[in-house]
Amino acid sequence: VGPLSDLEKAVVTLKEALAEIHNAEDSYTKAQLSRVLRLETMIDIRGVCDAAEEVVPANLWTLATYKELLFLDQHTSTGPEDPTFYDE
């Protein structure tokens, strides 16, 4: 339902891409596949993750949000035990 099925598909896509990289015969091919994974596939999957993050209440999201990671220095004065940590 919603972004969950998209997230599940994204996991399959990532696993397949990683397997393809590991099974590549030479370093040059591995580098090319890694570039596609990092600069194309991961960018597409980030959109799926962002969509999921938008519909999950912040207090139930167990991972750091993009905003929290981007402004980590501004979030170090509080922790998950502080109820204002997730309410932004």
PDB file of N, CA and C in Angstrom:
ATOM      1  N   VAL A   1       0.852  -1.173   0.000  1.00  0.00           N
ATOM      2  CA  VAL A   1       0.000   0.000   0.000  1.00  0.00           C
ATOM      3  C   VAL A   1       0.893   1.230   0.000  1.00  0.00           C
ATOM      4  N   GLY A   2       0.608   2.152  -0.897  1.00  0.00           N
ATOM      5  CA  GLY A   2       1.387   3.381  -0.949  1.00  0.00           C
ATOM      6  C   GLY A   2       2.845   3.115  -1.237  1.00  0.00           C
ATOM      7  N   PRO A   3       3.706   3.811  -0.529  1.00  0.00           N
ATOM      8  CA  PRO A   3       5.136   3.691  -0.815  1.00  0.00           C
ATOM      9  C   PRO A   3       5.746   2.364  -0.370  1.00  0.00           C
ATOM     10  N   LEU A   4       5.017   1.563   0.403  1.00  0.00           N
ATOM     11  CA  LEU A   4       5.594   0.298   0.872  1.00  0.00           C
ATOM     12  C   LEU A   4       5.941  -0.619  -0.291  1.00  0.00           C
ATOM     13  N   SER A   5       5.038  -0.788  -1.244  1.00  0.00           N
ATOM     14  CA  SER A   5       5.340  -1.661  -2.384  1.00  0.00           C
ATOM     15  C   SER A   5       6.485  -1.085  -3.221  1.00  0.00           C
ATOM     16  N   ASP A   6       6.542   0.242  -3.316  1.00  0.00           N
ATOM     17  CA  ASP A   6       7.652   0.876  -4.036  1.00  0.00           C
ATOM     18  C   ASP A   6       8.975   0.641  -3.312  1.00  0.00           C
ATOM     19  N   LEU A   7       8.943   0.687  -1.980  1.00  0.00           N
ATOM     20  CA  LEU A   7      10.158   0.413  -1.201  1.00  0.00           C
ATOM     21  C   LEU A   7      10.607  -1.030  -1.382  1.00  0.00           C
ATOM     22  N   GLU A   8       9.664  -1.944  -1.392  1.00  0.00           N
ATOM     23  CA  GLU A   8      10.004  -3.357  -1.586  1.00  0.00           C
ATOM     24  C   GLU A   8      10.630  -3.578  -2.959  1.00  0.00           C
ATOM     25  N   LYS A   9      10.087  -2.933  -3.982  1.00  0.00           N
ATOM     26  CA  LYS A   9      10.666  -3.025  -5.326  1.00  0.00           C
ATOM     27  C   LYS A   9      12.063  -2.416  -5.351  1.00  0.00           C
ATOM     28  N   ALA A  10      12.258  -1.330  -4.619  1.00  0.00           N
ATOM     29  CA  ALA A  10      13.564  -0.672  -4.567  1.00  0.00           C
ATOM     30  C   ALA A  10      14.613  -1.588  -3.945  1.00  0.00           C
ATOM     31  N   VAL A  11      14.214  -2.329  -2.921  1.00  0.00           N
ATOM     32  CA  VAL A  11      15.150  -3.270  -2.283  1.00  0.00           C
ATOM     33  C   VAL A  11      15.578  -4.332  -3.293  1.00  0.00           C
ATOM     34  N   VAL A  12      14.638  -4.844  -4.045  1.00  0.00           N
ATOM     35  CA  VAL A  12      14.960  -5.846  -5.073  1.00  0.00           C
ATOM     36  C   VAL A  12      15.909  -5.248  -6.111  1.00  0.00           C
ATOM     37  N   THR A  13      15.618  -4.029  -6.542  1.00  0.00           N
ATOM     38  CA  THR A  13      16.471  -3.348  -7.522  1.00  0.00           C
ATOM     39  C   THR A  13      17.896  -3.202  -6.999  1.00  0.00           C
ATOM     40  N   LEU A  14      18.031  -2.784  -5.742  1.00  0.00           N
ATOM     41  CA  LEU A  14      19.363  -2.624  -5.148  1.00  0.00           C
ATOM     42  C   LEU A  14      20.101  -3.957  -5.052  1.00  0.00           C
ATOM     43  N   LYS A  15      19.402  -4.979  -4.611  1.00  0.00           N
ATOM     44  CA  LYS A  15      20.040  -6.305  -4.492  1.00  0.00           C
ATOM     45  C   LYS A  15      20.510  -6.812  -5.851  1.00  0.00           C
ATOM     46  N   GLU A  16      19.679  -6.604  -6.866  1.00  0.00           N
ATOM     47  CA  GLU A  16      20.062  -7.054  -8.208  1.00  0.00           C
ATOM     48  C   GLU A  16      21.262  -6.271  -8.720  1.00  0.00           C
ATOM     49  N   ALA A  17      21.278  -4.968  -8.480  1.00  0.00           N
ATOM     50  CA  ALA A  17      22.398  -4.141  -8.928  1.00  0.00           C
ATOM     51  C   ALA A  17      23.689  -4.536  -8.217  1.00  0.00           C
ATOM     52  N   LEU A  18      23.593  -4.788  -6.923  1.00  0.00           N
ATOM     53  CA  LEU A  18      24.783  -5.211  -6.170  1.00  0.00           C
ATOM     54  C   LEU A  18      25.289  -6.561  -6.648  1.00  0.00           C
ATOM     55  N   ALA A  19      24.379  -7.484  -6.911  1.00  0.00           N
ATOM     56  CA  ALA A  19      24.780  -8.803  -7.411  1.00  0.00           C
ATOM     57  C   ALA A  19      25.473  -8.667  -8.763  1.00  0.00           C
ATOM     58  N   GLU A  20      24.940  -7.800  -9.606  1.00  0.00           N
ATOM     59  CA  GLU A  20      25.549  -7.585 -10.923  1.00  0.00           C
ATOM     60  C   GLU A  20      26.955  -7.024 -10.781  1.00  0.00           C
ATOM     61  N   ILE A  21      27.144  -6.110  -9.846  1.00  0.00           N
ATOM     62  CA  ILE A  21      28.482  -5.549  -9.605  1.00  0.00           C
ATOM     63  C   ILE A  21      29.430  -6.644  -9.125  1.00  0.00           C
ATOM     64  N   HIS A  22      28.990  -7.420  -8.156  1.00  0.00           N
ATOM     65  CA  HIS A  22      29.857  -8.474  -7.601  1.00  0.00           C
ATOM     66  C   HIS A  22      30.178  -9.556  -8.625  1.00  0.00           C
ATOM     67  N   ASN A  23      29.274  -9.788  -9.558  1.00  0.00           N
ATOM     68  CA  ASN A  23      29.487 -10.835 -10.557  1.00  0.00           C
ATOM     69  C   ASN A  23      30.189 -10.341 -11.810  1.00  0.00           C
ATOM     70  N   ALA A  24      30.451  -9.069 -11.905  1.00  0.00           N
ATOM     71  CA  ALA A  24      31.153  -8.526 -13.075  1.00  0.00           C
ATOM     72  C   ALA A  24      32.555  -9.110 -13.142  1.00  0.00           C
ATOM     73  N   GLU A  25      33.027  -9.291 -14.358  1.00  0.00           N
ATOM     74  CA  GLU A  25      34.291 -10.005 -14.550  1.00  0.00           C
ATOM     75  C   GLU A  25      35.535  -9.157 -14.323  1.00  0.00           C
ATOM     76  N   ASP A  26      35.422  -7.851 -14.532  1.00  0.00           N
ATOM     77  CA  ASP A  26      36.629  -7.038 -14.393  1.00  0.00           C
ATOM     78  C   ASP A  26      36.320  -5.748 -13.626  1.00  0.00           C
ATOM     79  N   SER A  27      37.364  -5.111 -13.164  1.00  0.00           N
ATOM     80  CA  SER A  27      37.224  -3.909 -12.335  1.00  0.00           C
ATOM     81  C   SER A  27      36.581  -2.752 -13.082  1.00  0.00           C
ATOM     82  N   TYR A  28      36.876  -2.631 -14.366  1.00  0.00           N
ATOM     83  CA  TYR A  28      36.309  -1.541 -15.142  1.00  0.00           C
ATOM     84  C   TYR A  28      34.786  -1.675 -15.223  1.00  0.00           C
ATOM     85  N   THR A  29      34.305  -2.866 -15.484  1.00  0.00           N
ATOM     86  CA  THR A  29      32.862  -3.114 -15.546  1.00  0.00           C
ATOM     87  C   THR A  29      32.230  -2.882 -14.179  1.00  0.00           C
ATOM     88  N   LYS A  30      32.904  -3.327 -13.131  1.00  0.00           N
ATOM     89  CA  LYS A  30      32.402  -3.090 -11.772  1.00  0.00           C
ATOM     90  C   LYS A  30      32.294  -1.598 -11.491  1.00  0.00           C
ATOM     91  N   ALA A  31      33.285  -0.847 -11.921  1.00  0.00           N
ATOM     92  CA  ALA A  31      33.267   0.607 -11.710  1.00  0.00           C
ATOM     93  C   ALA A  31      32.120   1.249 -12.482  1.00  0.00           C
ATOM     94  N   GLN A  32      31.904   0.822 -13.718  1.00  0.00           N
ATOM     95  CA  GLN A  32      30.801   1.369 -14.514  1.00  0.00           C
ATOM     96  C   GLN A  32      29.452   1.072 -13.853  1.00  0.00           C
ATOM     97  N   LEU A  33      29.260  -0.157 -13.422  1.00  0.00           N
ATOM     98  CA  LEU A  33      28.002  -0.544 -12.779  1.00  0.00           C
ATOM     99  C   LEU A  33      27.818   0.194 -11.453  1.00  0.00           C
ATOM    100  N   SER A  34      28.904   0.387 -10.727  1.00  0.00           N
ATOM    101  CA  SER A  34      28.838   1.116  -9.460  1.00  0.00           C
ATOM    102  C   SER A  34      28.447   2.569  -9.684  1.00  0.00           C
ATOM    103  N   ARG A  35      28.959   3.145 -10.754  1.00  0.00           N
ATOM    104  CA  ARG A  35      28.601   4.523 -11.090  1.00  0.00           C
ATOM    105  C   ARG A  35      27.114   4.638 -11.371  1.00  0.00           C
ATOM    106  N   VAL A  36      26.578   3.718 -12.152  1.00  0.00           N
ATOM    107  CA  VAL A  36      25.150   3.741 -12.456  1.00  0.00           C
ATOM    108  C   VAL A  36      24.338   3.571 -11.176  1.00  0.00           C
ATOM    109  N   LEU A  37      24.765   2.651 -10.322  1.00  0.00           N
ATOM    110  CA  LEU A  37      24.055   2.425  -9.064  1.00  0.00           C
ATOM    111  C   LEU A  37      24.035   3.693  -8.219  1.00  0.00           C
ATOM    112  N   ARG A  38      25.170   4.329  -8.090  1.00  0.00           N
ATOM    113  CA  ARG A  38      25.275   5.504  -7.217  1.00  0.00           C
ATOM    114  C   ARG A  38      24.636   6.759  -7.810  1.00  0.00           C
ATOM    115  N   LEU A  39      24.837   6.992  -9.076  1.00  0.00           N
ATOM    116  CA  LEU A  39      24.422   8.268  -9.664  1.00  0.00           C
ATOM    117  C   LEU A  39      23.085   8.215 -10.400  1.00  0.00           C
ATOM    118  N   GLU A  40      22.550   7.033 -10.595  1.00  0.00           N
ATOM    119  CA  GLU A  40      21.261   6.930 -11.278  1.00  0.00           C
ATOM    120  C   GLU A  40      20.246   6.177 -10.420  1.00  0.00           C
ATOM    121  N   THR A  41      20.547   4.938 -10.132  1.00  0.00           N
ATOM    122  CA  THR A  41      19.605   4.095  -9.401  1.00  0.00           C
ATOM    123  C   THR A  41      19.299   4.661  -8.015  1.00  0.00           C
ATOM    124  N   MET A  42      20.330   5.040  -7.281  1.00  0.00           N
ATOM    125  CA  MET A  42      20.122   5.540  -5.918  1.00  0.00           C
ATOM    126  C   MET A  42      19.355   6.862  -5.907  1.00  0.00           C
ATOM    127  N   ILE A  43      19.526   7.673  -6.916  1.00  0.00           N
ATOM    128  CA  ILE A  43      18.779   8.928  -6.992  1.00  0.00           C
ATOM    129  C   ILE A  43      17.299   8.630  -7.186  1.00  0.00           C
ATOM    130  N   ASP A  44      16.990   7.664  -8.060  1.00  0.00           N
ATOM    131  CA  ASP A  44      15.592   7.272  -8.261  1.00  0.00           C
ATOM    132  C   ASP A  44      14.992   6.697  -6.980  1.00  0.00           C
ATOM    133  N   ILE A  45      15.752   5.870  -6.299  1.00  0.00           N
ATOM    134  CA  ILE A  45      15.255   5.229  -5.080  1.00  0.00           C
ATOM    135  C   ILE A  45      15.104   6.240  -3.953  1.00  0.00           C
ATOM    136  N   ARG A  46      15.906   7.259  -3.957  1.00  0.00           N
ATOM    137  CA  ARG A  46      15.754   8.287  -2.927  1.00  0.00           C
ATOM    138  C   ARG A  46      14.364   8.914  -2.991  1.00  0.00           C
ATOM    139  N   GLY A  47      13.833   9.096  -4.172  1.00  0.00           N
ATOM    140  CA  GLY A  47      12.481   9.627  -4.318  1.00  0.00           C
ATOM    141  C   GLY A  47      11.449   8.733  -3.645  1.00  0.00           C
ATOM    142  N   VAL A  48      11.626   7.440  -3.771  1.00  0.00           N
ATOM    143  CA  VAL A  48      10.732   6.476  -3.127  1.00  0.00           C
ATOM    144  C   VAL A  48      10.849   6.596  -1.611  1.00  0.00           C
ATOM    145  N   CYS A  49      12.070   6.693  -1.115  1.00  0.00           N
ATOM    146  CA  CYS A  49      12.291   6.826   0.331  1.00  0.00           C
ATOM    147  C   CYS A  49      11.720   8.138   0.858  1.00  0.00           C
ATOM    148  N   ASP A  50      11.892   9.202   0.112  1.00  0.00           N
ATOM    149  CA  ASP A  50      11.329  10.490   0.523  1.00  0.00           C
ATOM    150  C   ASP A  50       9.810  10.419   0.609  1.00  0.00           C
ATOM    151  N   ALA A  51       9.180   9.718  -0.341  1.00  0.00           N
ATOM    152  CA  ALA A  51       7.726   9.578  -0.333  1.00  0.00           C
ATOM    153  C   ALA A  51       7.265   8.801   0.904  1.00  0.00           C
ATOM    154  N   ALA A  52       8.005   7.777   1.270  1.00  0.00           N
ATOM    155  CA  ALA A  52       7.662   7.007   2.465  1.00  0.00           C
ATOM    156  C   ALA A  52       7.843   7.852   3.716  1.00  0.00           C
ATOM    157  N   GLU A  53       8.899   8.609   3.754  1.00  0.00           N
ATOM    158  CA  GLU A  53       9.172   9.464   4.913  1.00  0.00           C
ATOM    159  C   GLU A  53       8.066  10.499   5.113  1.00  0.00           C
ATOM    160  N   GLU A  54       7.463  10.937   4.024  1.00  0.00           N
ATOM    161  CA  GLU A  54       6.392  11.935   4.113  1.00  0.00           C
ATOM    162  C   GLU A  54       5.117  11.385   4.750  1.00  0.00           C
ATOM    163  N   VAL A  55       4.844  10.100   4.588  1.00  0.00           N
ATOM    164  CA  VAL A  55       3.578   9.551   5.091  1.00  0.00           C
ATOM    165  C   VAL A  55       3.704   8.858   6.449  1.00  0.00           C
ATOM    166  N   VAL A  56       4.930   8.611   6.889  1.00  0.00           N
ATOM    167  CA  VAL A  56       5.139   7.974   8.192  1.00  0.00           C
ATOM    168  C   VAL A  56       5.323   9.078   9.234  1.00  0.00           C
ATOM    169  N   PRO A  57       4.546   9.028  10.327  1.00  0.00           N
ATOM    170  CA  PRO A  57       4.721  10.041  11.377  1.00  0.00           C
ATOM    171  C   PRO A  57       6.166  10.058  11.878  1.00  0.00           C
ATOM    172  N   ALA A  58       6.678  11.235  12.111  1.00  0.00           N
ATOM    173  CA  ALA A  58       8.087  11.397  12.493  1.00  0.00           C
ATOM    174  C   ALA A  58       8.451  10.591  13.735  1.00  0.00           C
ATOM    175  N   ASN A  59       7.527  10.471  14.691  1.00  0.00           N
ATOM    176  CA  ASN A  59       7.868   9.741  15.920  1.00  0.00           C
ATOM    177  C   ASN A  59       7.934   8.230  15.690  1.00  0.00           C
ATOM    178  N   LEU A  60       7.467   7.744  14.528  1.00  0.00           N
ATOM    179  CA  LEU A  60       7.545   6.320  14.210  1.00  0.00           C
ATOM    180  C   LEU A  60       8.670   6.006  13.225  1.00  0.00           C
ATOM    181  N   TRP A  61       9.255   7.039  12.649  1.00  0.00           N
ATOM    182  CA  TRP A  61      10.342   6.848  11.681  1.00  0.00           C
ATOM    183  C   TRP A  61      11.605   6.549  12.467  1.00  0.00           C
ATOM    184  N   THR A  62      12.132   5.327  12.324  1.00  0.00           N
ATOM    185  CA  THR A  62      13.248   4.880  13.162  1.00  0.00           C
ATOM    186  C   THR A  62      14.620   5.301  12.643  1.00  0.00           C
ATOM    187  N   LEU A  63      14.666   5.837  11.447  1.00  0.00           N
ATOM    188  CA  LEU A  63      15.936   6.276  10.885  1.00  0.00           C
ATOM    189  C   LEU A  63      16.024   7.797  10.926  1.00  0.00           C
ATOM    190  N   ALA A  64      17.218   8.306  10.874  1.00  0.00           N
ATOM    191  CA  ALA A  64      17.385   9.760  10.796  1.00  0.00           C
ATOM    192  C   ALA A  64      16.803  10.248   9.481  1.00  0.00           C
ATOM    193  N   THR A  65      16.086  11.354   9.540  1.00  0.00           N
ATOM    194  CA  THR A  65      15.548  11.926   8.313  1.00  0.00           C
ATOM    195  C   THR A  65      16.661  12.645   7.567  1.00  0.00           C
ATOM    196  N   TYR A  66      16.396  12.955   6.325  1.00  0.00           N
ATOM    197  CA  TYR A  66      17.372  13.696   5.535  1.00  0.00           C
ATOM    198  C   TYR A  66      17.691  15.027   6.210  1.00  0.00           C
ATOM    199  N   LYS A  67      16.661  15.692   6.705  1.00  0.00           N
ATOM    200  CA  LYS A  67      16.849  16.982   7.374  1.00  0.00           C
ATOM    201  C   LYS A  67      17.721  16.823   8.617  1.00  0.00           C
ATOM    202  N   GLU A  68      17.487  15.775   9.391  1.00  0.00           N
ATOM    203  CA  GLU A  68      18.286  15.546  10.591  1.00  0.00           C
ATOM    204  C   GLU A  68      19.747  15.282  10.242  1.00  0.00           C
ATOM    205  N   LEU A  69      19.980  14.536   9.170  1.00  0.00           N
ATOM    206  CA  LEU A  69      21.352  14.271   8.757  1.00  0.00           C
ATOM    207  C   LEU A  69      22.029  15.527   8.213  1.00  0.00           C
ATOM    208  N   LEU A  70      21.267  16.291   7.443  1.00  0.00           N
ATOM    209  CA  LEU A  70      21.820  17.493   6.842  1.00  0.00           C
ATOM    210  C   LEU A  70      22.191  18.529   7.895  1.00  0.00           C
ATOM    211  N   PHE A  71      21.367  18.634   8.930  1.00  0.00           N
ATOM    212  CA  PHE A  71      21.593  19.612   9.989  1.00  0.00           C
ATOM    213  C   PHE A  71      21.918  18.917  11.311  1.00  0.00           C
ATOM    214  N   LEU A  72      22.757  17.893  11.242  1.00  0.00           N
ATOM    215  CA  LEU A  72      23.094  17.082  12.407  1.00  0.00           C
ATOM    216  C   LEU A  72      23.603  17.923  13.571  1.00  0.00           C
ATOM    217  N   ASP A  73      24.399  18.926  13.294  1.00  0.00           N
ATOM    218  CA  ASP A  73      24.957  19.749  14.365  1.00  0.00           C
ATOM    219  C   ASP A  73      23.867  20.503  15.126  1.00  0.00           C
ATOM    220  N   GLN A  74      22.722  20.724  14.502  1.00  0.00           N
ATOM    221  CA  GLN A  74      21.639  21.429  15.174  1.00  0.00           C
ATOM    222  C   GLN A  74      20.731  20.485  15.952  1.00  0.00           C
ATOM    223  N   HIS A  75      20.952  19.186  15.801  1.00  0.00           N
ATOM    224  CA  HIS A  75      20.110  18.198  16.474  1.00  0.00           C
ATOM    225  C   HIS A  75      20.848  17.471  17.596  1.00  0.00           C
ATOM    226  N   THR A  76      22.051  17.866  17.900  1.00  0.00           N
ATOM    227  CA  THR A  76      22.834  17.134  18.884  1.00  0.00           C
ATOM    228  C   THR A  76      22.504  17.514  20.318  1.00  0.00           C
ATOM    229  N   SER A  77      21.751  18.580  20.527  1.00  0.00           N
ATOM    230  CA  SER A  77      21.439  18.984  21.895  1.00  0.00           C
ATOM    231  C   SER A  77      20.271  18.184  22.475  1.00  0.00           C
ATOM    232  N   THR A  78      19.528  17.486  21.628  1.00  0.00           N
ATOM    233  CA  THR A  78      18.428  16.659  22.098  1.00  0.00           C
ATOM    234  C   THR A  78      18.612  15.252  21.573  1.00  0.00           C
ATOM    235  N   GLY A  79      17.904  14.331  22.147  1.00  0.00           N
ATOM    236  CA  GLY A  79      17.989  12.949  21.715  1.00  0.00           C
ATOM    237  C   GLY A  79      16.615  12.357  21.558  1.00  0.00           C
ATOM    238  N   PRO A  80      16.540  11.103  21.120  1.00  0.00           N
ATOM    239  CA  PRO A  80      15.244  10.461  20.900  1.00  0.00           C
ATOM    240  C   PRO A  80      14.363  10.417  22.139  1.00  0.00           C
ATOM    241  N   GLU A  81      14.976  10.453  23.317  1.00  0.00           N
ATOM    242  CA  GLU A  81      14.181  10.427  24.543  1.00  0.00           C
ATOM    243  C   GLU A  81      13.483  11.758  24.806  1.00  0.00           C
ATOM    244  N   ASP A  82      13.937  12.828  24.154  1.00  0.00           N
ATOM    245  CA  ASP A  82      13.324  14.143  24.287  1.00  0.00           C
ATOM    246  C   ASP A  82      12.143  14.225  23.323  1.00  0.00           C
ATOM    247  N   PRO A  83      10.923  14.474  23.820  1.00  0.00           N
ATOM    248  CA  PRO A  83       9.757  14.470  22.935  1.00  0.00           C
ATOM    249  C   PRO A  83       9.796  15.529  21.838  1.00  0.00           C
ATOM    250  N   THR A  84      10.596  16.573  21.997  1.00  0.00           N
ATOM    251  CA  THR A  84      10.664  17.601  20.953  1.00  0.00           C
ATOM    252  C   THR A  84      11.645  17.223  19.840  1.00  0.00           C
ATOM    253  N   PHE A  85      12.381  16.126  20.008  1.00  0.00           N
ATOM    254  CA  PHE A  85      13.383  15.714  19.038  1.00  0.00           C
ATOM    255  C   PHE A  85      12.760  15.477  17.666  1.00  0.00           C
ATOM    256  N   TYR A  86      11.595  14.858  17.612  1.00  0.00           N
ATOM    257  CA  TYR A  86      10.963  14.507  16.344  1.00  0.00           C
ATOM    258  C   TYR A  86       9.922  15.539  15.900  1.00  0.00           C
ATOM    259  N   ASP A  87       9.512  16.409  16.770  1.00  0.00           N
ATOM    260  CA  ASP A  87       8.442  17.353  16.438  1.00  0.00           C
ATOM    261  C   ASP A  87       9.028  18.624  15.848  1.00  0.00           C
ATOM    262  N   GLU A  88       9.133  18.660  14.551  1.00  0.00           N
ATOM    263  CA  GLU A  88       9.694  19.844  13.891  1.00  0.00           C
ATOM    264  C   GLU A  88       8.728  20.373  12.887  1.00  0.00           C
TER     265      GLU A  88
END
